[in-house]
Amino acid sequence: DYEETYSPVAYLNSVRAMLAKCGAEGMEIEQCDVDTAFLYGKLEEEIYMELPEGLRELLDLAEAEGEVDVVCMLLQSLYGLKQASRVWNETIDKHLKSMGFEPADADPERRG
């Protein structure tokens, strides 16, 4: 949904509870960062954009063939799209669920 931009996050109390439980049970805690995370989301809707200046030679080629107002259709999310955070959240959520992870009961909007 192009208009939907909301992307939920974990409640601080849920994070604290998880850290306390892990600490009490002697578990090892790790964290990671996903480089260029917003670029991994697959778009459900069709979104078109003008070619950026860096692709000027493609635009020149299209104009040479008589095409005007050349655009490209996005297949994946890009930084700057208003729904980029929502699309990334849906992508990582599906991946984590496929690995057996479940949202915390304390975070009701994460239950989707």
N, C-alpha and C. Protein backbone atom coordinates (compact mmCIF):
# COMPACT_ATOMS: atom_id res chain seq x y z
N ASP A 1 0.85 -1.18 0.00
CA ASP A 1 0.00 0.00 0.00
C ASP A 1 0.89 1.24 0.00
N TYR A 2 0.84 1.99 -1.06
CA TYR A 2 1.69 3.17 -1.23
C TYR A 2 1.49 4.18 -0.11
N GLU A 3 0.26 4.30 0.38
CA GLU A 3 -0.04 5.31 1.39
C GLU A 3 0.36 4.86 2.80
N GLU A 4 0.56 3.57 3.02
CA GLU A 4 0.89 3.06 4.36
C GLU A 4 2.38 3.22 4.61
N THR A 5 2.73 3.98 5.65
CA THR A 5 4.13 4.24 5.94
C THR A 5 4.54 3.79 7.34
N TYR A 6 3.59 3.44 8.19
CA TYR A 6 3.88 3.09 9.57
C TYR A 6 4.71 1.81 9.66
N SER A 7 5.72 1.84 10.49
CA SER A 7 6.56 0.67 10.72
C SER A 7 6.76 0.52 12.23
N PRO A 8 6.24 -0.56 12.84
CA PRO A 8 6.30 -0.70 14.30
C PRO A 8 7.72 -0.99 14.79
N VAL A 9 7.95 -0.67 16.04
CA VAL A 9 9.22 -0.99 16.69
C VAL A 9 8.91 -1.67 18.02
N ALA A 10 9.90 -2.35 18.58
CA ALA A 10 9.71 -3.02 19.87
C ALA A 10 9.62 -1.97 20.98
N TYR A 11 8.78 -2.25 21.96
CA TYR A 11 8.68 -1.38 23.12
C TYR A 11 9.95 -1.52 23.96
N LEU A 12 10.37 -0.42 24.58
CA LEU A 12 11.57 -0.45 25.40
C LEU A 12 11.42 -1.45 26.54
N ASN A 13 10.22 -1.53 27.14
CA ASN A 13 10.01 -2.49 28.23
C ASN A 13 10.20 -3.93 27.75
N SER A 14 9.81 -4.22 26.52
CA SER A 14 10.01 -5.57 25.98
C SER A 14 11.49 -5.88 25.81
N VAL A 15 12.24 -4.91 25.34
CA VAL A 15 13.68 -5.10 25.17
C VAL A 15 14.34 -5.31 26.53
N ARG A 16 13.94 -4.49 27.51
CA ARG A 16 14.49 -4.65 28.87
C ARG A 16 14.17 -6.03 29.44
N ALA A 17 12.93 -6.47 29.26
CA ALA A 17 12.53 -7.78 29.78
C ALA A 17 13.35 -8.90 29.14
N MET A 18 13.56 -8.81 27.84
CA MET A 18 14.34 -9.82 27.14
C MET A 18 15.79 -9.82 27.64
N LEU A 19 16.37 -8.64 27.80
CA LEU A 19 17.74 -8.55 28.29
C LEU A 19 17.86 -9.10 29.71
N ALA A 20 16.87 -8.80 30.56
CA ALA A 20 16.87 -9.30 31.93
C ALA A 20 16.78 -10.83 31.95
N LYS A 21 15.90 -11.38 31.13
CA LYS A 21 15.74 -12.85 31.07
C LYS A 21 17.03 -13.51 30.58
N CYS A 22 17.61 -12.96 29.54
CA CYS A 22 18.86 -13.52 29.01
C CYS A 22 19.98 -13.44 30.05
N GLY A 23 20.05 -12.31 30.74
CA GLY A 23 21.07 -12.15 31.77
C GLY A 23 20.87 -13.12 32.92
N ALA A 24 19.62 -13.29 33.35
CA ALA A 24 19.32 -14.19 34.47
C ALA A 24 19.61 -15.65 34.11
N GLU A 25 19.47 -16.01 32.85
CA GLU A 25 19.69 -17.39 32.43
C GLU A 25 21.08 -17.62 31.84
N GLY A 26 21.93 -16.59 31.91
CA GLY A 26 23.31 -16.73 31.44
C GLY A 26 23.44 -16.89 29.93
N MET A 27 22.48 -16.38 29.20
CA MET A 27 22.51 -16.49 27.73
C MET A 27 23.45 -15.45 27.14
N GLU A 28 23.99 -15.76 25.99
CA GLU A 28 24.81 -14.81 25.25
C GLU A 28 23.89 -13.94 24.40
N ILE A 29 24.15 -12.65 24.39
CA ILE A 29 23.33 -11.71 23.62
C ILE A 29 24.16 -11.15 22.48
N GLU A 30 23.61 -11.18 21.29
CA GLU A 30 24.29 -10.62 20.13
C GLU A 30 23.33 -9.67 19.40
N GLN A 31 23.89 -8.77 18.66
CA GLN A 31 23.10 -7.85 17.85
C GLN A 31 23.78 -7.70 16.51
N CYS A 32 23.04 -7.22 15.53
CA CYS A 32 23.63 -7.01 14.21
C CYS A 32 22.98 -5.81 13.54
N ASP A 33 23.59 -5.38 12.50
CA ASP A 33 23.06 -4.28 11.69
C ASP A 33 23.00 -4.77 10.25
N VAL A 34 21.93 -4.46 9.57
CA VAL A 34 21.80 -4.85 8.17
C VAL A 34 22.17 -3.65 7.31
N ASP A 35 23.32 -3.74 6.65
CA ASP A 35 23.74 -2.64 5.77
C ASP A 35 22.71 -2.45 4.66
N THR A 36 22.41 -1.23 4.35
CA THR A 36 21.47 -0.87 3.28
C THR A 36 20.14 -1.63 3.41
N ALA A 37 19.63 -1.73 4.63
CA ALA A 37 18.43 -2.52 4.92
C ALA A 37 17.25 -2.14 4.03
N PHE A 38 17.03 -0.86 3.82
CA PHE A 38 15.84 -0.44 3.07
C PHE A 38 15.88 -0.89 1.61
N LEU A 39 17.03 -1.31 1.12
CA LEU A 39 17.13 -1.74 -0.27
C LEU A 39 16.70 -3.19 -0.47
N TYR A 40 16.44 -3.93 0.60
CA TYR A 40 16.07 -5.33 0.50
C TYR A 40 14.57 -5.55 0.36
N GLY A 41 13.76 -4.56 0.65
CA GLY A 41 12.31 -4.73 0.62
C GLY A 41 11.76 -4.81 -0.80
N LYS A 42 10.86 -5.75 -1.02
CA LYS A 42 10.19 -5.90 -2.32
C LYS A 42 8.91 -5.06 -2.32
N LEU A 43 8.73 -4.28 -3.36
CA LEU A 43 7.54 -3.44 -3.46
C LEU A 43 6.35 -4.24 -3.99
N GLU A 44 5.18 -3.99 -3.43
CA GLU A 44 3.96 -4.64 -3.90
C GLU A 44 3.28 -3.80 -4.97
N GLU A 45 3.45 -2.50 -4.89
CA GLU A 45 2.79 -1.60 -5.83
C GLU A 45 3.76 -1.18 -6.94
N GLU A 46 3.21 -0.68 -8.02
CA GLU A 46 4.05 -0.18 -9.10
C GLU A 46 4.43 1.27 -8.81
N ILE A 47 5.72 1.53 -8.79
CA ILE A 47 6.22 2.88 -8.56
C ILE A 47 7.21 3.19 -9.67
N TYR A 48 7.04 4.32 -10.30
CA TYR A 48 7.92 4.75 -11.38
C TYR A 48 8.69 5.98 -10.94
N MET A 49 9.91 6.11 -11.44
CA MET A 49 10.71 7.29 -11.11
C MET A 49 11.48 7.74 -12.35
N GLU A 50 11.80 9.02 -12.36
CA GLU A 50 12.64 9.55 -13.43
C GLU A 50 14.05 9.03 -13.24
N LEU A 51 14.77 8.87 -14.33
CA LEU A 51 16.16 8.41 -14.23
C LEU A 51 17.01 9.48 -13.55
N PRO A 52 17.85 9.07 -12.60
CA PRO A 52 18.73 10.05 -11.94
C PRO A 52 19.83 10.51 -12.89
N GLU A 53 20.45 11.61 -12.54
CA GLU A 53 21.49 12.21 -13.38
C GLU A 53 22.61 11.23 -13.71
N GLY A 54 22.95 10.33 -12.80
CA GLY A 54 24.02 9.38 -13.03
C GLY A 54 23.76 8.43 -14.18
N LEU A 55 22.51 8.32 -14.60
CA LEU A 55 22.15 7.43 -15.71
C LEU A 55 21.80 8.24 -16.95
N ARG A 56 22.44 9.36 -17.09
CA ARG A 56 22.15 10.28 -18.19
C ARG A 56 22.36 9.62 -19.55
N GLU A 57 23.37 8.74 -19.67
CA GLU A 57 23.62 8.12 -20.97
C GLU A 57 22.45 7.24 -21.40
N LEU A 58 21.75 6.60 -20.46
CA LEU A 58 20.55 5.83 -20.82
C LEU A 58 19.45 6.75 -21.32
N LEU A 59 19.32 7.89 -20.65
CA LEU A 59 18.31 8.86 -21.07
C LEU A 59 18.65 9.40 -22.45
N ASP A 60 19.92 9.69 -22.70
CA ASP A 60 20.34 10.18 -24.02
C ASP A 60 20.05 9.15 -25.10
N LEU A 61 20.28 7.87 -24.80
CA LEU A 61 20.01 6.80 -25.75
C LEU A 61 18.52 6.72 -26.06
N ALA A 62 17.69 6.82 -25.03
CA ALA A 62 16.24 6.76 -25.24
C ALA A 62 15.77 7.95 -26.07
N GLU A 63 16.31 9.14 -25.77
CA GLU A 63 15.92 10.32 -26.53
C GLU A 63 16.37 10.21 -27.98
N ALA A 64 17.51 9.57 -28.22
CA ALA A 64 18.00 9.38 -29.59
C ALA A 64 17.06 8.48 -30.38
N GLU A 65 16.35 7.61 -29.68
CA GLU A 65 15.40 6.71 -30.34
C GLU A 65 13.99 7.31 -30.37
N GLY A 66 13.87 8.58 -30.02
CA GLY A 66 12.58 9.26 -30.11
C GLY A 66 11.71 9.17 -28.87
N GLU A 67 12.20 8.58 -27.80
CA GLU A 67 11.43 8.48 -26.57
C GLU A 67 11.62 9.76 -25.75
N VAL A 68 10.56 10.19 -25.11
CA VAL A 68 10.65 11.34 -24.21
C VAL A 68 10.06 10.95 -22.87
N ASP A 69 10.40 11.69 -21.84
CA ASP A 69 9.90 11.43 -20.49
C ASP A 69 10.14 9.98 -20.08
N VAL A 70 11.37 9.52 -20.21
CA VAL A 70 11.73 8.15 -19.87
C VAL A 70 11.73 7.98 -18.35
N VAL A 71 11.12 6.91 -17.87
CA VAL A 71 11.08 6.59 -16.45
C VAL A 71 11.46 5.12 -16.27
N CYS A 72 11.72 4.73 -15.05
CA CYS A 72 11.97 3.32 -14.76
C CYS A 72 11.02 2.87 -13.66
N MET A 73 10.66 1.59 -13.69
CA MET A 73 9.78 1.02 -12.68
C MET A 73 10.66 0.38 -11.60
N LEU A 74 10.39 0.74 -10.35
CA LEU A 74 11.15 0.18 -9.24
C LEU A 74 10.67 -1.23 -8.93
N LEU A 75 11.59 -2.15 -8.75
CA LEU A 75 11.25 -3.52 -8.37
C LEU A 75 11.49 -3.74 -6.88
N GLN A 76 12.36 -2.93 -6.30
CA GLN A 76 12.66 -3.02 -4.88
C GLN A 76 12.63 -1.62 -4.28
N SER A 77 12.58 -1.59 -2.97
CA SER A 77 12.51 -0.33 -2.24
C SER A 77 13.81 0.45 -2.39
N LEU A 78 13.72 1.75 -2.21
CA LEU A 78 14.87 2.65 -2.25
C LEU A 78 14.81 3.59 -1.06
N TYR A 79 15.97 4.04 -0.61
CA TYR A 79 15.98 5.09 0.40
C TYR A 79 15.27 6.30 -0.20
N GLY A 80 14.47 6.96 0.62
CA GLY A 80 13.74 8.13 0.16
C GLY A 80 12.28 7.83 -0.15
N LEU A 81 11.93 6.57 -0.39
CA LEU A 81 10.52 6.23 -0.57
C LEU A 81 9.83 6.34 0.78
N LYS A 82 8.65 6.92 0.79
CA LYS A 82 7.99 7.12 2.08
C LYS A 82 7.59 5.80 2.74
N GLN A 83 7.45 4.74 1.97
CA GLN A 83 7.07 3.45 2.55
C GLN A 83 8.28 2.53 2.76
N ALA A 84 9.50 3.03 2.60
CA ALA A 84 10.70 2.19 2.68
C ALA A 84 10.81 1.48 4.03
N SER A 85 10.54 2.18 5.13
CA SER A 85 10.67 1.54 6.44
C SER A 85 9.62 0.45 6.63
N ARG A 86 8.41 0.68 6.15
CA ARG A 86 7.35 -0.33 6.27
C ARG A 86 7.69 -1.56 5.44
N VAL A 87 8.18 -1.36 4.23
CA VAL A 87 8.52 -2.48 3.35
C VAL A 87 9.68 -3.28 3.96
N TRP A 88 10.69 -2.61 4.52
CA TRP A 88 11.79 -3.31 5.17
C TRP A 88 11.27 -4.10 6.37
N ASN A 89 10.39 -3.49 7.16
CA ASN A 89 9.85 -4.17 8.33
C ASN A 89 9.11 -5.44 7.94
N GLU A 90 8.32 -5.38 6.88
CA GLU A 90 7.60 -6.56 6.41
C GLU A 90 8.58 -7.64 5.95
N THR A 91 9.65 -7.24 5.29
CA THR A 91 10.65 -8.18 4.79
C THR A 91 11.36 -8.89 5.94
N ILE A 92 11.87 -8.13 6.91
CA ILE A 92 12.61 -8.75 8.02
C ILE A 92 11.66 -9.54 8.92
N ASP A 93 10.43 -9.07 9.06
CA ASP A 93 9.44 -9.78 9.89
C ASP A 93 9.17 -11.18 9.32
N LYS A 94 8.96 -11.27 8.01
CA LYS A 94 8.74 -12.58 7.37
C LYS A 94 9.96 -13.49 7.55
N HIS A 95 11.14 -12.92 7.40
CA HIS A 95 12.36 -13.71 7.53
C HIS A 95 12.52 -14.24 8.95
N LEU A 96 12.31 -13.38 9.95
CA LEU A 96 12.46 -13.82 11.34
C LEU A 96 11.42 -14.88 11.71
N LYS A 97 10.19 -14.70 11.23
CA LYS A 97 9.14 -15.69 11.51
C LYS A 97 9.49 -17.03 10.86
N SER A 98 10.09 -17.00 9.67
CA SER A 98 10.47 -18.26 9.00
C SER A 98 11.57 -18.99 9.77
N MET A 99 12.30 -18.26 10.63
CA MET A 99 13.35 -18.86 11.45
C MET A 99 12.82 -19.31 12.81
N GLY A 100 11.51 -19.11 13.04
CA GLY A 100 10.91 -19.54 14.30
C GLY A 100 10.76 -18.47 15.35
N PHE A 101 11.17 -17.25 15.06
CA PHE A 101 10.99 -16.16 16.01
C PHE A 101 9.54 -15.69 16.00
N GLU A 102 9.08 -15.21 17.15
CA GLU A 102 7.72 -14.69 17.27
C GLU A 102 7.77 -13.34 17.97
N PRO A 103 6.84 -12.45 17.64
CA PRO A 103 6.79 -11.16 18.33
C PRO A 103 6.45 -11.35 19.81
N ALA A 104 6.91 -10.42 20.63
CA ALA A 104 6.59 -10.47 22.06
C ALA A 104 5.11 -10.19 22.27
N ASP A 105 4.50 -10.92 23.19
CA ASP A 105 3.08 -10.69 23.50
C ASP A 105 2.85 -9.28 24.00
N ALA A 106 3.86 -8.67 24.60
CA ALA A 106 3.73 -7.32 25.14
C ALA A 106 3.68 -6.25 24.04
N ASP A 107 4.03 -6.62 22.83
CA ASP A 107 4.03 -5.68 21.71
C ASP A 107 2.89 -6.04 20.78
N PRO A 108 1.66 -5.62 21.09
CA PRO A 108 0.49 -6.08 20.33
C PRO A 108 0.53 -5.78 18.85
N GLU A 109 1.06 -4.63 18.43
CA GLU A 109 1.07 -4.33 17.00
C GLU A 109 2.08 -5.18 16.24
N ARG A 110 2.97 -5.84 16.94
CA ARG A 110 3.95 -6.72 16.30
C ARG A 110 3.35 -8.09 16.01
N ARG A 111 2.14 -8.36 16.47
CA ARG A 111 1.54 -9.68 16.32
C ARG A 111 1.02 -9.93 14.92
N GLY A 112 0.95 -8.89 14.04
CA GLY A 112 0.40 -8.98 12.70
C GLY A 112 0.77 -10.12 11.94
